[in-house]
Amino acid sequence: MDKPTGAPVAGRDYPSDIAKVRSWFPTDAACLDYLDWLRWPGGFICPHCASAEAGREATGRYRCRKCDKQVSVTAGTIFHRTRTPLTVWFEATWLMTAPKMGVSASHVHRVLPVSSYQTAWTMLTKLRQVMSTTDSQPLTGRVEIDETFFGGPRPGVAGRGAAGKTLVAGAIEIDDHGWGRARLAVINDASAKSLRAFITDNVAPGATVVSDAWRSYPPALGGYEHVPVNVSASGKPAHEVLPAVHRLFAQVKRMVEGTYQGSGSVGHLQEYLDEFVFRFNRRHSRHRGLVFMRLLQRAVAAAPVGYRDLVRASRVKEKRPPGVVGPRRRPGSLEVVPEKRPWRAAEDRDSGT
């Protein structure tokens, strides 16, 4: 019996391991077809006029029959005008999504055929910024919150006023079954204003927030049920009083210090935090290949960004919602039928090819 097409299936909708990545996507043409399938789940839609009527040029581009514009699969995405083969992009994407601690540009430069460290860094930074656009649903239920400092062994005072370091706020859902989703963000300081901005951006109104007894939390938590815990009075260290959020901090610091050798500069630290949260919030995904698919799905829904913008650490903004994975169809006007791929099996069966 065929599995339902509504839920993505390993071996049909996404590869199950790196060997499958290489066998499914040996050429840029195969990669383009997969990106086409992810970008336009119901068939091609012209980004200029929203028409579904299009033909296929010899170059593989679509030509809209309404506005006569040519559209490539990668146009207007993070792959726009890339000089790096898509096969390399796909392997880099797998490397980014598979390990718990991520992958560095130095490692990608060593193991993949990229021309320079800068090319590897650019690819990973673009993917990392796409990761930052994906988690829009706020945390709910019971949420632990605290802050921590990132930074090297520079002189400074202890506590929330530590000099020369970067302050990061963290929040994580907790319940009787364990930990849920998390959020991490660089904040200016531990003032009520900064904490309020972090909380309202990441925690749903009405949630129960568990924090320490820092004086900024009560004014920052209007509209939330607040459960303050006095760490000093408890006689226990903070990581025992607020175990979930401090375990979160420990894991992300291991990533930054280990994978990136502590290179979490103020300009790019938020990107590393977003990368960590992307994987952490998908740690229960039924297959790592599904995370690979989800990241590519969002990569074709994100606006292109140039190298100079990356250096300035600007954030990619999602310009259109990613397609919903479900029943697929080719546009009736598609003149060049792609060769069969695992992800096209259902539509090939439906069309009788």
Foldseek 3Di string as FASTA:
>chain_A
DDDAQQDDDDPFLFDFDVVRLCVQPVALVSVQVNLQCFFCQAADADPVPRDRFWEADPVRWTQHPPPRDTHGSQPFFQCHPDPDRVSLLLSQLLQQLPDLLGAALVVSVVPDPDDDSLVSRSSVLLLLLLLLAPDQDADAAEKEKDKDWADDPDDADDDQGGPPTWIKMKMWDADPVGTAAMAIDTFDGDALVRLLVVCVRHHDFAYEYEYAVPPSPVSSNPRYRYDYHHCVVVVDDPCVVRVPRVVVVVSLNCSCCPNVVSPLDPLCVRSSRSSSSSNVNCVVPPGSRVSSSVSSQSRSQWGHDDPVVVVSSDHIHGPDDGDNRRRGEYRPNYDDDDDDGSNCVVHCVVVVD
